[in-house]
Amino acid sequence: MAEPGLRSEQEVLARFHELRQSVSTLFAKLNDIETEAAEHDLVLKQLEPMDKGRRCYRMIGDVLVERTVAETLPAGAASTATRDAGREQIGWIGVAGHLTLLKLLLLLLLLLLLLLR
């Protein structure tokens, strides 16, 4: 008879850990995106004062491509705009998702406490 209750407790704990891991993964990804954005912005700031005919190299996917600064700056600005739009969307999803997951975690914790009584 204790086994069904134990099984439920184990399921609740397992789900709790899954949700907590999902939140951690989401915030780790957001942190990675923020770090990459800061590096990208730093590179663009360094390129701005340089001679526009100077050669530079840019990673496009897994390929290193030789370009001039004049070609790279507009592409970098377009990439920044796209990245910022995506970052904003992910950020809001992250906040909304985080709040939803926190609510679920609290409900699961309450359920677990009730099961342990």
N, C-alpha and C. Protein backbone atom coordinates (compact mmCIF):
# COMPACT_ATOMS: atom_id res chain seq x y z
N MET A 1 0.80 -1.19 0.00
CA MET A 1 0.00 0.00 0.00
C MET A 1 0.85 1.26 0.00
N ALA A 2 1.98 1.20 0.63
CA ALA A 2 2.88 2.35 0.68
C ALA A 2 3.53 2.59 -0.68
N GLU A 3 3.59 1.57 -1.50
CA GLU A 3 4.26 1.69 -2.78
C GLU A 3 3.63 2.73 -3.71
N PRO A 4 2.26 2.77 -3.88
CA PRO A 4 1.70 3.81 -4.74
C PRO A 4 2.03 5.22 -4.25
N GLY A 5 1.99 5.44 -2.93
CA GLY A 5 2.36 6.76 -2.40
C GLY A 5 3.81 7.08 -2.66
N LEU A 6 4.67 6.09 -2.48
CA LEU A 6 6.09 6.27 -2.72
C LEU A 6 6.33 6.55 -4.20
N ARG A 7 5.62 5.86 -5.05
CA ARG A 7 5.75 6.09 -6.48
C ARG A 7 5.35 7.52 -6.83
N SER A 8 4.27 8.02 -6.25
CA SER A 8 3.83 9.38 -6.50
C SER A 8 4.86 10.40 -6.01
N GLU A 9 5.41 10.14 -4.85
CA GLU A 9 6.43 11.03 -4.32
C GLU A 9 7.65 11.06 -5.24
N GLN A 10 8.03 9.89 -5.72
CA GLN A 10 9.17 9.81 -6.62
C GLN A 10 8.88 10.54 -7.93
N GLU A 11 7.67 10.40 -8.44
CA GLU A 11 7.30 11.10 -9.67
C GLU A 11 7.32 12.60 -9.47
N VAL A 12 6.79 13.07 -8.33
CA VAL A 12 6.78 14.50 -8.04
C VAL A 12 8.21 15.02 -7.95
N LEU A 13 9.05 14.31 -7.24
CA LEU A 13 10.44 14.74 -7.12
C LEU A 13 11.16 14.73 -8.46
N ALA A 14 10.90 13.72 -9.27
CA ALA A 14 11.53 13.64 -10.58
C ALA A 14 11.09 14.81 -11.45
N ARG A 15 9.80 15.11 -11.43
CA ARG A 15 9.29 16.24 -12.23
C ARG A 15 9.85 17.56 -11.72
N PHE A 16 9.94 17.70 -10.42
CA PHE A 16 10.51 18.90 -9.82
C PHE A 16 11.94 19.10 -10.31
N HIS A 17 12.74 18.04 -10.30
CA HIS A 17 14.12 18.14 -10.75
C HIS A 17 14.21 18.44 -12.25
N GLU A 18 13.31 17.87 -13.04
CA GLU A 18 13.28 18.15 -14.48
C GLU A 18 13.00 19.63 -14.73
N LEU A 19 12.01 20.17 -14.04
CA LEU A 19 11.67 21.57 -14.23
C LEU A 19 12.79 22.49 -13.77
N ARG A 20 13.41 22.15 -12.67
CA ARG A 20 14.52 22.96 -12.17
C ARG A 20 15.68 22.93 -13.17
N GLN A 21 15.93 21.78 -13.77
CA GLN A 21 16.98 21.67 -14.78
C GLN A 21 16.63 22.49 -16.03
N SER A 22 15.36 22.50 -16.42
CA SER A 22 14.94 23.29 -17.57
C SER A 22 15.19 24.78 -17.35
N VAL A 23 14.89 25.25 -16.16
CA VAL A 23 15.13 26.66 -15.83
C VAL A 23 16.62 26.96 -15.89
N SER A 24 17.43 26.08 -15.34
CA SER A 24 18.89 26.28 -15.36
C SER A 24 19.42 26.31 -16.79
N THR A 25 18.94 25.42 -17.62
CA THR A 25 19.37 25.35 -19.02
C THR A 25 18.99 26.63 -19.77
N LEU A 26 17.77 27.10 -19.54
CA LEU A 26 17.30 28.31 -20.20
C LEU A 26 18.16 29.50 -19.83
N PHE A 27 18.44 29.66 -18.56
CA PHE A 27 19.23 30.80 -18.15
C PHE A 27 20.69 30.67 -18.57
N ALA A 28 21.22 29.48 -18.67
CA ALA A 28 22.57 29.28 -19.18
C ALA A 28 22.64 29.71 -20.64
N LYS A 29 21.63 29.35 -21.42
CA LYS A 29 21.59 29.74 -22.84
C LYS A 29 21.48 31.25 -22.98
N LEU A 30 20.63 31.88 -22.17
CA LEU A 30 20.52 33.34 -22.20
C LEU A 30 21.85 33.99 -21.85
N ASN A 31 22.56 33.44 -20.89
CA ASN A 31 23.86 33.97 -20.51
C ASN A 31 24.87 33.84 -21.65
N ASP A 32 24.85 32.70 -22.36
CA ASP A 32 25.73 32.51 -23.52
C ASP A 32 25.44 33.55 -24.60
N ILE A 33 24.18 33.79 -24.85
CA ILE A 33 23.80 34.77 -25.88
C ILE A 33 24.26 36.16 -25.49
N GLU A 34 24.12 36.52 -24.23
CA GLU A 34 24.56 37.83 -23.75
C GLU A 34 26.08 37.98 -23.89
N THR A 35 26.82 36.94 -23.59
CA THR A 35 28.28 36.98 -23.70
C THR A 35 28.69 37.15 -25.16
N GLU A 36 28.08 36.39 -26.04
CA GLU A 36 28.38 36.51 -27.47
C GLU A 36 28.03 37.90 -27.99
N ALA A 37 26.93 38.46 -27.53
CA ALA A 37 26.52 39.80 -27.96
C ALA A 37 27.54 40.84 -27.54
N ALA A 38 28.05 40.73 -26.32
CA ALA A 38 29.05 41.68 -25.84
C ALA A 38 30.33 41.58 -26.68
N GLU A 39 30.76 40.36 -27.00
CA GLU A 39 31.95 40.17 -27.83
C GLU A 39 31.74 40.73 -29.22
N HIS A 40 30.57 40.50 -29.79
CA HIS A 40 30.24 40.98 -31.13
C HIS A 40 30.29 42.52 -31.17
N ASP A 41 29.68 43.15 -30.15
CA ASP A 41 29.67 44.61 -30.09
C ASP A 41 31.09 45.17 -29.95
N LEU A 42 31.92 44.51 -29.17
CA LEU A 42 33.31 44.93 -28.99
C LEU A 42 34.06 44.90 -30.32
N VAL A 43 33.87 43.85 -31.09
CA VAL A 43 34.55 43.73 -32.39
C VAL A 43 34.09 44.85 -33.33
N LEU A 44 32.79 45.11 -33.38
CA LEU A 44 32.29 46.17 -34.26
C LEU A 44 32.84 47.54 -33.85
N LYS A 45 32.96 47.80 -32.56
CA LYS A 45 33.52 49.07 -32.09
C LYS A 45 35.00 49.19 -32.49
N GLN A 46 35.72 48.09 -32.46
CA GLN A 46 37.12 48.12 -32.85
C GLN A 46 37.29 48.33 -34.36
N LEU A 47 36.34 47.85 -35.15
CA LEU A 47 36.44 48.00 -36.61
C LEU A 47 36.05 49.39 -37.10
N GLU A 48 35.18 50.08 -36.38
CA GLU A 48 34.67 51.39 -36.85
C GLU A 48 35.77 52.39 -37.23
N PRO A 49 36.78 52.61 -36.40
CA PRO A 49 37.77 53.64 -36.77
C PRO A 49 38.81 53.17 -37.79
N MET A 50 38.82 51.92 -38.15
CA MET A 50 39.84 51.38 -39.06
C MET A 50 39.59 51.81 -40.50
N ASP A 51 40.67 51.75 -41.29
CA ASP A 51 40.59 52.02 -42.72
C ASP A 51 39.60 51.05 -43.35
N LYS A 52 38.68 51.58 -44.14
CA LYS A 52 37.60 50.75 -44.71
C LYS A 52 38.11 49.73 -45.73
N GLY A 53 39.29 49.93 -46.27
CA GLY A 53 39.84 48.98 -47.23
C GLY A 53 40.65 47.87 -46.58
N ARG A 54 40.85 47.97 -45.30
CA ARG A 54 41.65 46.98 -44.58
C ARG A 54 40.96 45.62 -44.57
N ARG A 55 41.77 44.56 -44.71
CA ARG A 55 41.22 43.22 -44.68
C ARG A 55 40.88 42.81 -43.25
N CYS A 56 39.83 42.05 -43.13
CA CYS A 56 39.48 41.44 -41.85
C CYS A 56 38.84 40.09 -42.14
N TYR A 57 38.64 39.32 -41.11
CA TYR A 57 38.10 37.98 -41.28
C TYR A 57 36.86 37.84 -40.41
N ARG A 58 35.89 37.15 -40.96
CA ARG A 58 34.61 37.00 -40.27
C ARG A 58 34.19 35.54 -40.35
N MET A 59 33.69 35.03 -39.22
CA MET A 59 33.18 33.66 -39.21
C MET A 59 31.72 33.69 -39.67
N ILE A 60 31.43 32.94 -40.71
CA ILE A 60 30.06 32.78 -41.17
C ILE A 60 29.77 31.29 -41.07
N GLY A 61 29.00 30.94 -40.06
CA GLY A 61 28.79 29.52 -39.76
C GLY A 61 30.10 28.95 -39.27
N ASP A 62 30.62 27.95 -39.97
CA ASP A 62 31.89 27.33 -39.60
C ASP A 62 33.02 27.74 -40.55
N VAL A 63 32.77 28.74 -41.38
CA VAL A 63 33.74 29.13 -42.41
C VAL A 63 34.30 30.52 -42.09
N LEU A 64 35.62 30.64 -42.15
CA LEU A 64 36.28 31.92 -41.96
C LEU A 64 36.39 32.59 -43.32
N VAL A 65 35.79 33.79 -43.45
CA VAL A 65 35.71 34.47 -44.74
C VAL A 65 36.51 35.77 -44.67
N GLU A 66 37.30 36.02 -45.71
CA GLU A 66 38.07 37.27 -45.78
C GLU A 66 37.18 38.35 -46.40
N ARG A 67 37.11 39.49 -45.74
CA ARG A 67 36.33 40.63 -46.20
C ARG A 67 37.12 41.90 -45.94
N THR A 68 36.58 43.02 -46.39
CA THR A 68 37.15 44.31 -45.99
C THR A 68 36.31 44.84 -44.83
N VAL A 69 36.87 45.82 -44.14
CA VAL A 69 36.14 46.44 -43.04
C VAL A 69 34.84 47.06 -43.57
N ALA A 70 34.91 47.66 -44.77
CA ALA A 70 33.73 48.28 -45.37
C ALA A 70 32.61 47.26 -45.62
N GLU A 71 32.96 46.04 -45.96
CA GLU A 71 31.96 45.00 -46.18
C GLU A 71 31.46 44.42 -44.86
N THR A 72 32.33 44.37 -43.89
CA THR A 72 32.01 43.72 -42.63
C THR A 72 31.10 44.57 -41.75
N LEU A 73 31.34 45.89 -41.70
CA LEU A 73 30.54 46.74 -40.80
C LEU A 73 29.04 46.70 -41.09
N PRO A 74 28.59 46.87 -42.34
CA PRO A 74 27.13 46.79 -42.58
C PRO A 74 26.56 45.40 -42.25
N ALA A 75 27.31 44.36 -42.58
CA ALA A 75 26.85 43.01 -42.27
C ALA A 75 26.79 42.81 -40.76
N GLY A 76 27.77 43.36 -40.06
CA GLY A 76 27.77 43.26 -38.60
C GLY A 76 26.62 44.02 -37.97
N ALA A 77 26.31 45.20 -38.53
CA ALA A 77 25.19 45.99 -38.01
C ALA A 77 23.86 45.26 -38.24
N ALA A 78 23.71 44.65 -39.41
CA ALA A 78 22.48 43.88 -39.70
C ALA A 78 22.38 42.67 -38.77
N SER A 79 23.50 42.03 -38.55
CA SER A 79 23.53 40.88 -37.65
C SER A 79 23.18 41.30 -36.22
N THR A 80 23.66 42.47 -35.82
CA THR A 80 23.36 42.98 -34.48
C THR A 80 21.87 43.24 -34.33
N ALA A 81 21.26 43.85 -35.35
CA ALA A 81 19.82 44.13 -35.29
C ALA A 81 19.02 42.83 -35.17
N THR A 82 19.38 41.84 -35.96
CA THR A 82 18.69 40.55 -35.90
C THR A 82 18.90 39.88 -34.55
N ARG A 83 20.14 39.92 -34.08
CA ARG A 83 20.46 39.31 -32.80
C ARG A 83 19.71 39.99 -31.65
N ASP A 84 19.65 41.33 -31.68
CA ASP A 84 18.96 42.05 -30.61
C ASP A 84 17.47 41.73 -30.59
N ALA A 85 16.87 41.60 -31.77
CA ALA A 85 15.45 41.24 -31.83
C ALA A 85 15.24 39.84 -31.25
N GLY A 86 16.11 38.92 -31.62
CA GLY A 86 16.02 37.56 -31.08
C GLY A 86 16.28 37.51 -29.59
N ARG A 87 17.26 38.29 -29.14
CA ARG A 87 17.58 38.35 -27.71
C ARG A 87 16.39 38.87 -26.91
N GLU A 88 15.76 39.90 -27.44
CA GLU A 88 14.60 40.47 -26.74
C GLU A 88 13.48 39.45 -26.65
N GLN A 89 13.22 38.76 -27.75
CA GLN A 89 12.16 37.75 -27.76
C GLN A 89 12.49 36.60 -26.81
N ILE A 90 13.71 36.12 -26.86
CA ILE A 90 14.11 35.03 -25.97
C ILE A 90 14.07 35.48 -24.53
N GLY A 91 14.49 36.73 -24.29
CA GLY A 91 14.47 37.26 -22.93
C GLY A 91 13.07 37.28 -22.35
N TRP A 92 12.10 37.70 -23.15
CA TRP A 92 10.72 37.73 -22.66
C TRP A 92 10.17 36.32 -22.47
N ILE A 93 10.50 35.45 -23.41
CA ILE A 93 10.09 34.06 -23.25
C ILE A 93 10.73 33.49 -21.99
N GLY A 94 11.99 33.83 -21.80
CA GLY A 94 12.70 33.35 -20.62
C GLY A 94 12.06 33.82 -19.33
N VAL A 95 11.69 35.11 -19.28
CA VAL A 95 11.07 35.65 -18.07
C VAL A 95 9.70 35.00 -17.85
N ALA A 96 8.89 34.95 -18.92
CA ALA A 96 7.56 34.35 -18.79
C ALA A 96 7.67 32.87 -18.46
N GLY A 97 8.58 32.20 -19.14
CA GLY A 97 8.78 30.77 -18.88
C GLY A 97 9.29 30.53 -17.47
N HIS A 98 10.18 31.41 -17.02
CA HIS A 98 10.72 31.28 -15.67
C HIS A 98 9.61 31.43 -14.63
N LEU A 99 8.74 32.42 -14.82
CA LEU A 99 7.64 32.62 -13.87
C LEU A 99 6.69 31.42 -13.88
N THR A 100 6.40 30.91 -15.06
CA THR A 100 5.53 29.74 -15.16
C THR A 100 6.17 28.54 -14.48
N LEU A 101 7.44 28.34 -14.72
CA LEU A 101 8.13 27.21 -14.10
C LEU A 101 8.22 27.37 -12.58
N LEU A 102 8.42 28.60 -12.12
CA LEU A 102 8.45 28.82 -10.68
C LEU A 102 7.10 28.48 -10.05
N LYS A 103 6.02 28.87 -10.73
CA LYS A 103 4.69 28.53 -10.22
C LYS A 103 4.50 27.02 -10.17
N LEU A 104 4.92 26.34 -11.23
CA LEU A 104 4.81 24.88 -11.26
C LEU A 104 5.66 24.24 -10.17
N LEU A 105 6.86 24.76 -10.00
CA LEU A 105 7.73 24.21 -8.96
C LEU A 105 7.12 24.39 -7.58
N LEU A 106 6.52 25.55 -7.34
CA LEU A 106 5.87 25.77 -6.05
C LEU A 106 4.69 24.84 -5.85
N LEU A 107 3.89 24.65 -6.90
CA LEU A 107 2.76 23.73 -6.80
C LEU A 107 3.23 22.30 -6.54
N LEU A 108 4.28 21.90 -7.24
CA LEU A 108 4.80 20.56 -7.03
C LEU A 108 5.38 20.39 -5.63
N LEU A 109 6.02 21.42 -5.14
CA LEU A 109 6.56 21.36 -3.80
C LEU A 109 5.44 21.24 -2.77
N LEU A 110 4.36 22.01 -2.98
CA LEU A 110 3.21 21.90 -2.08
C LEU A 110 2.59 20.50 -2.14
N LEU A 111 2.47 19.98 -3.35
CA LEU A 111 1.94 18.62 -3.51
C LEU A 111 2.82 17.61 -2.80
N LEU A 112 4.11 17.77 -2.95
CA LEU A 112 5.05 16.88 -2.28
C LEU A 112 4.89 16.96 -0.76
N LEU A 113 4.74 18.16 -0.25
CA LEU A 113 4.56 18.32 1.20
C LEU A 113 3.27 17.66 1.66
N LEU A 114 2.22 17.77 0.85
CA LEU A 114 0.95 17.12 1.21
C LEU A 114 1.08 15.60 1.18
N LEU A 115 1.83 15.11 0.22
CA LEU A 115 2.02 13.65 0.12
C LEU A 115 2.85 13.11 1.28
N LEU A 116 3.75 13.91 1.79
CA LEU A 116 4.62 13.47 2.88
C LEU A 116 3.93 13.52 4.24
N ARG A 117 2.79 14.13 4.33
CA ARG A 117 2.06 14.21 5.62
C ARG A 117 1.61 12.89 6.08
